C-alpha atoms as a PDB file:
ATOM      1  CA  MET A   1      90.590 274.879  57.671  1.00  0.00           C
ATOM      2  CA  LEU A   2      92.812 271.823  57.531  1.00  0.00           C
ATOM      3  CA  ASN A   3      92.702 269.414  60.417  1.00  0.00           C
ATOM      4  CA  PRO A   4      96.346 268.999  61.608  1.00  0.00           C
ATOM      5  CA  SER A   5      95.552 265.608  63.117  1.00  0.00           C
ATOM      6  CA  LYS A   6      94.310 264.210  59.806  1.00  0.00           C
ATOM      7  CA  PRO A   7      97.120 262.939  57.520  1.00  0.00           C
ATOM      8  CA  ARG A   8      97.179 264.616  54.140  1.00  0.00           C
ATOM      9  CA  SER A   9      96.994 262.621  50.936  1.00  0.00           C
ATOM     10  CA  LEU A  10      99.986 262.163  48.686  1.00  0.00           C
ATOM     11  CA  TRP A  11      98.522 264.444  46.023  1.00  0.00           C
ATOM     12  CA  SER A  12      97.868 267.238  48.535  1.00  0.00           C
ATOM     13  CA  ARG A  13     101.447 267.032  49.802  1.00  0.00           C
ATOM     14  CA  ILE A  14     102.765 267.175  46.211  1.00  0.00           C
ATOM     15  CA  LYS A  15     100.504 270.120  45.433  1.00  0.00           C
ATOM     16  CA  ALA A  16     101.670 271.999  48.519  1.00  0.00           C
ATOM     17  CA  CYS A  17     105.336 271.607  47.496  1.00  0.00           C
ATOM     18  CA  HIS A  18     104.872 271.559  43.715  1.00  0.00           C
ATOM     19  CA  TRP A  19     107.605 274.152  43.076  1.00  0.00           C
ATOM     20  CA  LEU A  20     110.161 272.065  44.959  1.00  0.00           C
ATOM     21  CA  TYR A  21     109.207 268.938  43.032  1.00  0.00           C
ATOM     22  CA  LEU A  22     109.356 270.884  39.780  1.00  0.00           C
ATOM     23  CA  MET A  23     112.839 272.079  40.690  1.00  0.00           C
ATOM     24  CA  ILE A  24     114.187 268.560  41.273  1.00  0.00           C
ATOM     25  CA  PHE A  25     112.343 267.023  38.327  1.00  0.00           C
ATOM     26  CA  PRO A  26     115.206 267.574  35.789  1.00  0.00           C
ATOM     27  CA  ALA A  27     117.689 265.977  38.212  1.00  0.00           C
ATOM     28  CA  VAL A  28     115.353 262.997  38.664  1.00  0.00           C
ATOM     29  CA  LEU A  29     115.118 262.570  34.897  1.00  0.00           C
ATOM     30  CA  VAL A  30     118.903 262.663  34.538  1.00  0.00           C
ATOM     31  CA  GLN A  31     119.286 260.126  37.336  1.00  0.00           C
ATOM     32  CA  LEU A  32     116.735 257.816  35.741  1.00  0.00           C
ATOM     33  CA  ALA A  33     118.292 258.128  32.279  1.00  0.00           C
ATOM     34  CA  PHE A  34     121.915 257.608  33.300  1.00  0.00           C
ATOM     35  CA  ALA A  35     121.705 255.510  36.474  1.00  0.00           C
ATOM     36  CA  TYR A  36     118.588 253.321  36.358  1.00  0.00           C
ATOM     37  CA  VAL A  37     117.704 252.755  32.698  1.00  0.00           C
ATOM     38  CA  PRO A  38     121.239 251.431  31.922  1.00  0.00           C
ATOM     39  CA  MET A  39     120.742 248.815  34.649  1.00  0.00           C
ATOM     40  CA  ALA A  40     118.724 246.851  32.103  1.00  0.00           C
ATOM     41  CA  GLY A  41     122.078 246.105  30.487  1.00  0.00           C
ATOM     42  CA  MET A  42     122.837 243.735  33.378  1.00  0.00           C
ATOM     43  CA  LEU A  43     120.720 241.179  31.535  1.00  0.00           C
ATOM     44  CA  MET A  44     123.513 240.867  28.988  1.00  0.00           C
ATOM     45  CA  ALA A  45     125.669 239.194  31.630  1.00  0.00           C
ATOM     46  CA  PHE A  46     123.337 236.186  31.598  1.00  0.00           C
ATOM     47  CA  ARG A  47     122.640 235.903  27.872  1.00  0.00           C
ATOM     48  CA  ASN A  48     124.611 234.922  24.753  1.00  0.00           C
ATOM     49  CA  VAL A  49     125.159 238.422  23.353  1.00  0.00           C
ATOM     50  CA  ASP A  50     127.071 239.040  20.140  1.00  0.00           C
ATOM     51  CA  GLU A  51     127.196 241.730  17.453  1.00  0.00           C
ATOM     52  CA  LEU A  52     124.317 240.141  15.533  1.00  0.00           C
ATOM     53  CA  HIS A  53     121.957 239.851  18.502  1.00  0.00           C
ATOM     54  CA  LEU A  54     122.282 243.121  20.421  1.00  0.00           C
ATOM     55  CA  PRO A  55     121.324 244.178  22.981  1.00  0.00           C
ATOM     56  CA  PHE A  56     120.098 241.087  24.838  1.00  0.00           C
ATOM     57  CA  GLY A  57     121.118 238.100  22.743  1.00  0.00           C
ATOM     58  CA  THR A  58     118.952 235.106  21.937  1.00  0.00           C
ATOM     59  CA  LYS A  59     118.867 232.868  25.037  1.00  0.00           C
ATOM     60  CA  TRP A  60     119.774 232.622  28.691  1.00  0.00           C
ATOM     61  CA  VAL A  61     123.164 231.068  29.482  1.00  0.00           C
ATOM     62  CA  GLY A  62     123.209 231.430  33.279  1.00  0.00           C
ATOM     63  CA  PHE A  63     126.651 232.189  34.686  1.00  0.00           C
ATOM     64  CA  ALA A  64     128.551 231.075  31.581  1.00  0.00           C
ATOM     65  CA  ASN A  65     129.731 234.641  30.923  1.00  0.00           C
ATOM     66  CA  PHE A  66     131.448 234.730  34.296  1.00  0.00           C
ATOM     67  CA  TYR A  67     134.266 232.529  33.031  1.00  0.00           C
ATOM     68  CA  PHE A  68     136.628 235.502  33.430  1.00  0.00           C
ATOM     69  CA  LEU A  69     136.856 234.617  37.143  1.00  0.00           C
ATOM     70  CA  ARG A  70     139.304 231.895  36.058  1.00  0.00           C
ATOM     71  CA  ASP A  71     141.378 234.342  33.978  1.00  0.00           C
ATOM     72  CA  PRO A  72     144.690 235.340  35.663  1.00  0.00           C
ATOM     73  CA  TYR A  73     144.733 238.632  33.765  1.00  0.00           C
ATOM     74  CA  PHE A  74     141.404 239.615  35.335  1.00  0.00           C
ATOM     75  CA  TRP A  75     142.853 239.117  38.807  1.00  0.00           C
ATOM     76  CA  LEU A  76     145.912 241.148  37.778  1.00  0.00           C
ATOM     77  CA  THR A  77     143.612 244.080  36.963  1.00  0.00           C
ATOM     78  CA  VAL A  78     141.801 243.587  40.280  1.00  0.00           C
ATOM     79  CA  ARG A  79     145.119 243.649  42.123  1.00  0.00           C
ATOM     80  CA  ASN A  80     146.203 246.812  40.304  1.00  0.00           C
ATOM     81  CA  THR A  81     142.853 248.426  41.079  1.00  0.00           C
ATOM     82  CA  PHE A  82     143.073 247.716  44.800  1.00  0.00           C
ATOM     83  CA  ILE A  83     146.719 248.796  45.005  1.00  0.00           C
ATOM     84  CA  ILE A  84     146.105 252.123  43.248  1.00  0.00           C
ATOM     85  CA  ALA A  85     142.779 252.829  44.956  1.00  0.00           C
ATOM     86  CA  GLY A  86     144.053 251.741  48.378  1.00  0.00           C
ATOM     87  CA  THR A  87     147.176 253.902  48.140  1.00  0.00           C
ATOM     88  CA  LYS A  88     145.084 256.856  46.999  1.00  0.00           C
ATOM     89  CA  PHE A  89     142.692 256.335  49.899  1.00  0.00           C
ATOM     90  CA  LEU A  90     145.537 256.082  52.404  1.00  0.00           C
ATOM     91  CA  PHE A  91     147.046 259.427  51.388  1.00  0.00           C
ATOM     92  CA  ILE A  92     144.137 261.384  49.897  1.00  0.00           C
ATOM     93  CA  PHE A  93     141.353 260.762  52.435  1.00  0.00           C
ATOM     94  CA  PRO A  94     143.119 262.377  55.440  1.00  0.00           C
ATOM     95  CA  ALA A  95     144.719 265.166  53.356  1.00  0.00           C
ATOM     96  CA  PRO A  96     141.576 267.387  53.067  1.00  0.00           C
ATOM     97  CA  ILE A  97     140.979 267.008  56.806  1.00  0.00           C
ATOM     98  CA  ILE A  98     144.523 268.128  57.571  1.00  0.00           C
ATOM     99  CA  LEU A  99     144.250 271.028  55.112  1.00  0.00           C
ATOM    100  CA  ALA A 100     140.928 272.125  56.614  1.00  0.00           C
ATOM    101  CA  LEU A 101     142.421 272.035  60.132  1.00  0.00           C
ATOM    102  CA  MET A 102     145.412 274.097  58.980  1.00  0.00           C
ATOM    103  CA  LEU A 103     143.210 276.654  57.206  1.00  0.00           C
ATOM    104  CA  ASN A 104     141.001 276.878  60.273  1.00  0.00           C
ATOM    105  CA  GLU A 105     144.002 277.978  62.339  1.00  0.00           C
ATOM    106  CA  ILE A 106     144.949 280.842  59.985  1.00  0.00           C
ATOM    107  CA  GLY A 107     143.959 284.114  61.603  1.00  0.00           C
ATOM    108  CA  TYR A 108     144.696 286.435  58.669  1.00  0.00           C
ATOM    109  CA  GLU A 109     141.505 286.175  56.597  1.00  0.00           C
ATOM    110  CA  ARG A 110     142.914 287.575  53.345  1.00  0.00           C
ATOM    111  CA  PHE A 111     145.794 285.097  53.311  1.00  0.00           C
ATOM    112  CA  LYS A 112     143.369 282.304  54.214  1.00  0.00           C
ATOM    113  CA  LYS A 113     141.119 283.128  51.241  1.00  0.00           C
ATOM    114  CA  VAL A 114     144.092 283.233  48.871  1.00  0.00           C
ATOM    115  CA  VAL A 115     145.253 279.788  50.036  1.00  0.00           C
ATOM    116  CA  GLN A 116     141.732 278.403  49.718  1.00  0.00           C
ATOM    117  CA  THR A 117     141.325 279.765  46.191  1.00  0.00           C
ATOM    118  CA  ILE A 118     144.682 278.416  45.027  1.00  0.00           C
ATOM    119  CA  SER A 119     143.948 274.979  46.503  1.00  0.00           C
ATOM    120  CA  TYR A 120     140.443 274.841  44.937  1.00  0.00           C
ATOM    121  CA  LEU A 121     141.435 275.772  41.383  1.00  0.00           C
ATOM    122  CA  PRO A 122     143.076 272.477  40.277  1.00  0.00           C
ATOM    123  CA  HIS A 123     139.772 270.650  40.774  1.00  0.00           C
ATOM    124  CA  PHE A 124     138.294 272.522  37.821  1.00  0.00           C
ATOM    125  CA  ILE A 125     141.123 271.526  35.474  1.00  0.00           C
ATOM    126  CA  SER A 126     140.314 268.544  33.269  1.00  0.00           C
ATOM    127  CA  TRP A 127     142.385 265.394  33.673  1.00  0.00           C
ATOM    128  CA  VAL A 128     143.256 265.720  29.985  1.00  0.00           C
ATOM    129  CA  VAL A 129     144.952 269.046  30.722  1.00  0.00           C
ATOM    130  CA  VAL A 130     146.572 267.777  33.926  1.00  0.00           C
ATOM    131  CA  VAL A 131     148.054 264.718  32.229  1.00  0.00           C
ATOM    132  CA  ASN A 132     149.362 266.851  29.371  1.00  0.00           C
ATOM    133  CA  ILE A 133     151.036 269.163  31.897  1.00  0.00           C
ATOM    134  CA  LEU A 134     152.586 266.142  33.604  1.00  0.00           C
ATOM    135  CA  ASP A 135     153.804 264.833  30.253  1.00  0.00           C
ATOM    136  CA  ARG A 136     155.503 268.153  29.499  1.00  0.00           C
ATOM    137  CA  MET A 137     157.086 268.313  32.930  1.00  0.00           C
ATOM    138  CA  LEU A 138     158.205 264.670  33.123  1.00  0.00           C
ATOM    139  CA  ASN A 139     159.213 264.139  29.504  1.00  0.00           C
ATOM    140  CA  LEU A 140     162.462 262.192  29.223  1.00  0.00           C
ATOM    141  CA  ASN A 141     164.108 264.485  26.689  1.00  0.00           C
ATOM    142  CA  ALA A 142     162.533 267.913  27.122  1.00  0.00           C
ATOM    143  CA  GLY A 143     160.782 267.797  30.488  1.00  0.00           C
ATOM    144  CA  LEU A 144     161.355 270.438  33.138  1.00  0.00           C
ATOM    145  CA  VAL A 145     162.038 267.902  35.900  1.00  0.00           C
ATOM    146  CA  ASN A 146     164.590 265.936  33.878  1.00  0.00           C
ATOM    147  CA  GLY A 147     166.150 269.221  32.799  1.00  0.00           C
ATOM    148  CA  LEU A 148     166.720 270.104  36.452  1.00  0.00           C
ATOM    149  CA  ILE A 149     168.060 266.621  37.193  1.00  0.00           C
ATOM    150  CA  ALA A 150     170.506 266.863  34.276  1.00  0.00           C
ATOM    151  CA  ALA A 151     171.562 270.362  35.348  1.00  0.00           C
ATOM    152  CA  LEU A 152     172.387 269.012  38.804  1.00  0.00           C
ATOM    153  CA  GLY A 153     174.513 266.262  37.286  1.00  0.00           C
ATOM    154  CA  GLY A 154     171.982 263.438  37.584  1.00  0.00           C
ATOM    155  CA  LYS A 155     170.753 260.953  35.023  1.00  0.00           C
ATOM    156  CA  PRO A 156     167.346 261.648  33.393  1.00  0.00           C
ATOM    157  CA  ILE A 157     164.511 259.399  34.549  1.00  0.00           C
ATOM    158  CA  HIS A 158     161.840 257.964  32.273  1.00  0.00           C
ATOM    159  CA  PHE A 159     158.972 258.778  34.640  1.00  0.00           C
ATOM    160  CA  THR A 160     156.115 257.892  32.289  1.00  0.00           C
ATOM    161  CA  GLY A 161     157.674 254.638  31.139  1.00  0.00           C
ATOM    162  CA  ASP A 162     159.054 253.230  34.394  1.00  0.00           C
ATOM    163  CA  VAL A 163     156.482 251.116  36.266  1.00  0.00           C
ATOM    164  CA  LYS A 164     157.860 252.079  39.678  1.00  0.00           C
ATOM    165  CA  TRP A 165     157.022 255.753  39.086  1.00  0.00           C
ATOM    166  CA  PHE A 166     153.440 255.209  37.944  1.00  0.00           C
ATOM    167  CA  LEU A 167     151.850 254.899  41.398  1.00  0.00           C
ATOM    168  CA  PRO A 168     153.603 257.956  42.937  1.00  0.00           C
ATOM    169  CA  ILE A 169     152.653 260.071  39.910  1.00  0.00           C
ATOM    170  CA  ALA A 170     149.018 258.898  40.068  1.00  0.00           C
ATOM    171  CA  VAL A 171     148.708 259.530  43.817  1.00  0.00           C
ATOM    172  CA  LEU A 172     150.479 262.906  43.897  1.00  0.00           C
ATOM    173  CA  SER A 173     148.657 264.302  40.871  1.00  0.00           C
ATOM    174  CA  ASN A 174     145.296 263.227  42.330  1.00  0.00           C
ATOM    175  CA  LEU A 175     146.239 264.740  45.674  1.00  0.00           C
ATOM    176  CA  TRP A 176     147.208 268.061  44.057  1.00  0.00           C
ATOM    177  CA  LYS A 177     144.034 268.192  41.997  1.00  0.00           C
ATOM    178  CA  GLU A 178     141.419 267.276  44.624  1.00  0.00           C
ATOM    179  CA  VAL A 179     142.713 268.073  48.112  1.00  0.00           C
ATOM    180  CA  GLY A 180     141.572 271.703  48.119  1.00  0.00           C
ATOM    181  CA  PHE A 181     138.086 271.095  46.785  1.00  0.00           C
ATOM    182  CA  SER A 182     137.554 268.090  49.080  1.00  0.00           C
ATOM    183  CA  SER A 183     138.395 270.234  52.117  1.00  0.00           C
ATOM    184  CA  ILE A 184     135.333 272.458  51.564  1.00  0.00           C
ATOM    185  CA  ILE A 185     132.946 270.117  53.356  1.00  0.00           C
ATOM    186  CA  TYR A 186     135.272 269.865  56.372  1.00  0.00           C
ATOM    187  CA  LEU A 187     135.653 273.653  56.508  1.00  0.00           C
ATOM    188  CA  ALA A 188     131.861 273.889  56.513  1.00  0.00           C
ATOM    189  CA  ALA A 189     131.691 271.354  59.346  1.00  0.00           C
ATOM    190  CA  LEU A 190     134.244 273.354  61.344  1.00  0.00           C
ATOM    191  CA  THR A 191     131.982 276.413  61.290  1.00  0.00           C
ATOM    192  CA  GLN A 192     129.334 274.443  63.221  1.00  0.00           C
ATOM    193  CA  ILE A 193     131.567 273.982  66.275  1.00  0.00           C
ATOM    194  CA  ASP A 194     130.619 276.287  69.137  1.00  0.00           C
ATOM    195  CA  PRO A 195     133.428 278.874  69.660  1.00  0.00           C
ATOM    196  CA  GLN A 196     132.666 278.871  73.383  1.00  0.00           C
ATOM    197  CA  LEU A 197     134.174 275.395  73.590  1.00  0.00           C
ATOM    198  CA  TYR A 198     137.533 276.811  72.510  1.00  0.00           C
ATOM    199  CA  GLU A 199     137.226 279.669  74.997  1.00  0.00           C
ATOM    200  CA  ALA A 200     136.519 277.217  77.807  1.00  0.00           C
ATOM    201  CA  ALA A 201     139.466 275.065  76.721  1.00  0.00           C
ATOM    202  CA  LYS A 202     141.783 278.092  76.776  1.00  0.00           C
ATOM    203  CA  VAL A 203     140.632 278.919  80.296  1.00  0.00           C
ATOM    204  CA  ASP A 204     141.493 275.357  81.319  1.00  0.00           C
ATOM    205  CA  GLY A 205     144.979 275.785  79.823  1.00  0.00           C
ATOM    206  CA  ALA A 206     144.527 273.659  76.675  1.00  0.00           C
ATOM    207  CA  GLY A 207     146.929 274.438  73.842  1.00  0.00           C
ATOM    208  CA  LYS A 208     146.250 274.330  70.107  1.00  0.00           C
ATOM    209  CA  ILE A 209     147.031 270.626  69.810  1.00  0.00           C
ATOM    210  CA  ALA A 210     144.748 269.741  72.711  1.00  0.00           C
ATOM    211  CA  GLN A 211     141.956 271.884  71.252  1.00  0.00           C
ATOM    212  CA  ILE A 212     142.253 270.105  67.908  1.00  0.00           C
ATOM    213  CA  LEU A 213     142.333 266.645  69.497  1.00  0.00           C
ATOM    214  CA  TYR A 214     139.510 267.106  71.996  1.00  0.00           C
ATOM    215  CA  ILE A 215     137.236 269.715  70.353  1.00  0.00           C
ATOM    216  CA  THR A 216     137.839 270.091  66.620  1.00  0.00           C
ATOM    217  CA  ILE A 217     138.217 266.468  65.557  1.00  0.00           C
ATOM    218  CA  PRO A 218     135.303 265.178  67.716  1.00  0.00           C
ATOM    219  CA  GLY A 219     133.218 268.082  66.396  1.00  0.00           C
ATOM    220  CA  ILE A 220     133.700 267.074  62.766  1.00  0.00           C
ATOM    221  CA  PHE A 221     133.771 263.316  63.395  1.00  0.00           C
ATOM    222  CA  PRO A 222     130.213 262.756  62.050  1.00  0.00           C
ATOM    223  CA  THR A 223     131.254 264.435  58.801  1.00  0.00           C
ATOM    224  CA  ILE A 224     134.465 262.402  58.664  1.00  0.00           C
ATOM    225  CA  SER A 225     132.556 259.148  59.205  1.00  0.00           C
ATOM    226  CA  MET A 226     130.019 260.030  56.505  1.00  0.00           C
ATOM    227  CA  MET A 227     132.756 260.886  53.995  1.00  0.00           C
ATOM    228  CA  LEU A 228     134.571 257.678  54.946  1.00  0.00           C
ATOM    229  CA  ILE A 229     131.472 255.613  54.161  1.00  0.00           C
ATOM    230  CA  LEU A 230     131.065 257.338  50.801  1.00  0.00           C
ATOM    231  CA  SER A 231     134.778 256.854  50.025  1.00  0.00           C
ATOM    232  CA  ILE A 232     134.994 253.147  50.831  1.00  0.00           C
ATOM    233  CA  PRO A 233     133.356 251.984  47.536  1.00  0.00           C
ATOM    234  CA  ASN A 234     136.133 253.829  45.702  1.00  0.00           C
ATOM    235  CA  LEU A 235     138.499 251.070  46.816  1.00  0.00           C
ATOM    236  CA  ILE A 236     137.240 249.249  43.729  1.00  0.00           C
ATOM    237  CA  ASN A 237     137.421 252.450  41.670  1.00  0.00           C
ATOM    238  CA  ALA A 238     140.953 253.673  41.031  1.00  0.00           C
ATOM    239  CA  GLY A 239     139.856 256.692  38.972  1.00  0.00           C
ATOM    240  CA  PHE A 240     139.216 255.777  35.356  1.00  0.00           C
ATOM    241  CA  ASP A 241     139.810 259.219  33.788  1.00  0.00           C
ATOM    242  CA  GLN A 242     143.208 259.714  35.360  1.00  0.00           C
ATOM    243  CA  ILE A 243     144.541 256.179  35.023  1.00  0.00           C
ATOM    244  CA  TYR A 244     143.358 255.765  31.437  1.00  0.00           C
ATOM    245  CA  LEU A 245     145.192 258.939  30.395  1.00  0.00           C
ATOM    246  CA  LEU A 246     148.346 258.101  32.360  1.00  0.00           C
ATOM    247  CA  SER A 247     148.569 254.527  31.092  1.00  0.00           C
ATOM    248  CA  ASN A 248     150.705 253.491  28.134  1.00  0.00           C
ATOM    249  CA  PRO A 249     152.128 250.183  26.837  1.00  0.00           C
ATOM    250  CA  MET A 250     155.242 250.546  29.012  1.00  0.00           C
ATOM    251  CA  ASN A 251     153.433 250.906  32.336  1.00  0.00           C
ATOM    252  CA  MET A 252     150.483 248.636  31.494  1.00  0.00           C
ATOM    253  CA  PRO A 253     151.525 245.889  33.977  1.00  0.00           C
ATOM    254  CA  VAL A 254     150.667 248.292  36.820  1.00  0.00           C
ATOM    255  CA  SER A 255     148.197 250.680  35.154  1.00  0.00           C
ATOM    256  CA  GLU A 256     145.679 248.181  33.733  1.00  0.00           C
ATOM    257  CA  ILE A 257     142.794 248.541  36.200  1.00  0.00           C
ATOM    258  CA  LEU A 258     139.430 246.796  36.187  1.00  0.00           C
ATOM    259  CA  GLU A 259     137.499 249.682  34.614  1.00  0.00           C
ATOM    260  CA  ILE A 260     139.935 249.929  31.700  1.00  0.00           C
ATOM    261  CA  TYR A 261     139.785 246.159  31.236  1.00  0.00           C
ATOM    262  CA  ILE A 262     135.970 246.315  31.159  1.00  0.00           C
ATOM    263  CA  LEU A 263     136.077 249.128  28.598  1.00  0.00           C
ATOM    264  CA  ARG A 264     138.472 247.266  26.327  1.00  0.00           C
ATOM    265  CA  THR A 265     136.550 244.008  26.676  1.00  0.00           C
ATOM    266  CA  GLY A 266     133.280 245.646  25.701  1.00  0.00           C
ATOM    267  CA  LEU A 267     134.251 248.249  23.101  1.00  0.00           C
ATOM    268  CA  SER A 268     137.561 247.008  21.698  1.00  0.00           C
ATOM    269  CA  TYR A 269     136.882 243.264  21.705  1.00  0.00           C
ATOM    270  CA  GLY A 270     133.079 243.415  21.366  1.00  0.00           C
ATOM    271  CA  ASP A 271     132.494 240.972  24.230  1.00  0.00           C
ATOM    272  CA  PHE A 272     129.587 242.865  25.774  1.00  0.00           C
ATOM    273  CA  ALA A 273     128.325 239.951  27.854  1.00  0.00           C
ATOM    274  CA  LYS A 274     131.686 239.477  29.587  1.00  0.00           C
ATOM    275  CA  ALA A 275     132.059 243.230  30.144  1.00  0.00           C
ATOM    276  CA  SER A 276     128.577 243.375  31.673  1.00  0.00           C
ATOM    277  CA  ALA A 277     129.357 240.421  33.943  1.00  0.00           C
ATOM    278  CA  MET A 278     132.546 242.107  35.152  1.00  0.00           C
ATOM    279  CA  GLY A 279     130.587 245.301  35.783  1.00  0.00           C
ATOM    280  CA  ILE A 280     128.125 243.395  37.973  1.00  0.00           C
ATOM    281  CA  CYS A 281     130.980 241.917  40.019  1.00  0.00           C
ATOM    282  CA  ASN A 282     132.478 245.384  40.375  1.00  0.00           C
ATOM    283  CA  SER A 283     129.176 246.811  41.637  1.00  0.00           C
ATOM    284  CA  LEU A 284     128.615 243.928  44.070  1.00  0.00           C
ATOM    285  CA  VAL A 285     132.043 244.420  45.639  1.00  0.00           C
ATOM    286  CA  ALA A 286     131.358 248.168  45.989  1.00  0.00           C
ATOM    287  CA  LEU A 287     127.989 247.403  47.643  1.00  0.00           C
ATOM    288  CA  ILE A 288     129.624 244.999  50.100  1.00  0.00           C
ATOM    289  CA  LEU A 289     132.313 247.560  50.963  1.00  0.00           C
ATOM    290  CA  VAL A 290     129.856 250.388  51.607  1.00  0.00           C
ATOM    291  CA  THR A 291     127.657 248.077  53.722  1.00  0.00           C
ATOM    292  CA  ILE A 292     130.625 247.070  55.884  1.00  0.00           C
ATOM    293  CA  ALA A 293     131.698 250.718  56.235  1.00  0.00           C
ATOM    294  CA  ASN A 294     128.174 251.785  57.195  1.00  0.00           C
ATOM    295  CA  LYS A 295     127.874 249.066  59.839  1.00  0.00           C
ATOM    296  CA  THR A 296     131.322 249.910  61.234  1.00  0.00           C
ATOM    297  CA  SER A 297     130.466 253.607  61.453  1.00  0.00           C
ATOM    298  CA  GLN A 298     127.205 252.744  63.200  1.00  0.00           C
ATOM    299  CA  LYS A 299     129.028 250.685  65.829  1.00  0.00           C
ATOM    300  CA  LEU A 300     131.565 253.512  66.393  1.00  0.00           C
ATOM    301  CA  GLY A 301     128.780 256.054  66.882  1.00  0.00           C
ATOM    302  CA  GLY A 302     129.381 257.969  63.659  1.00  0.00           C
ATOM    303  CA  SER A 303     127.027 258.972  60.868  1.00  0.00           C
ATOM    304  CA  THR A 304     125.351 256.380  58.673  1.00  0.00           C
ATOM    305  CA  ILE A 305     123.652 256.562  55.286  1.00  0.00           C
ATOM    306  CA  TRP A 306     120.815 254.183  56.229  1.00  0.00           C
END
């Protein structure tokens, strides 16, 4: 018989839960292969890498590959990244919360499930398909939207070529695609709120708005704070898949984000050392942002990730 007061060895604990470890083993391998092994590429940022001396060059050059910090075009891409990512965050982060609160107030279950299903479906559509749909709808000559504008006596708008339309298109398309799926976690959090709190609030004369403000939102605040922490690093990530597909030579002044610039620097221009150095800067900024968000959440009494 095992002595409960005696700590078990590492091997005995692994043996006792061997099926659980076996289940997560493939995920651990994938994480190692695609998240940790590629980190060796950071060495390229500090070496003189070229096509003849891949992957790690011939000698150490210190911070010489960080010369891009003096390049105005680099800071243009950083500005575009923060503008796009910040605008997305401003509109897209609260949207799933609002949708979850609205769905939670629907009493007719069948209608609620239909709305949930319709709002979830766009998440599973590839950005390639979404951007092609947008191109068909917003096309200058044959698009549905410009057809309606012309039918109403207006002048067709070159949505995909006008820089002032790029940000609204990027934000709205992202909102349409992800708001339903992102609301799932908030709907799950809402189910953990004790229904007796609402009954007590009704007895005290609280209306729907008061119940949402003083019961629902405080009840899901730990989930909101956790999602906020996880979303903050995306302020340096504007969404490569979407922006890359939406960008074209006409809207490049506002669509050239840092990730696209890194891709072109590394693959198109073959400057792997510079691309690696920019990637390190990108990761450091994301780390700083998530650390600040975690500390802020801790001070406000919300959830933290460490």
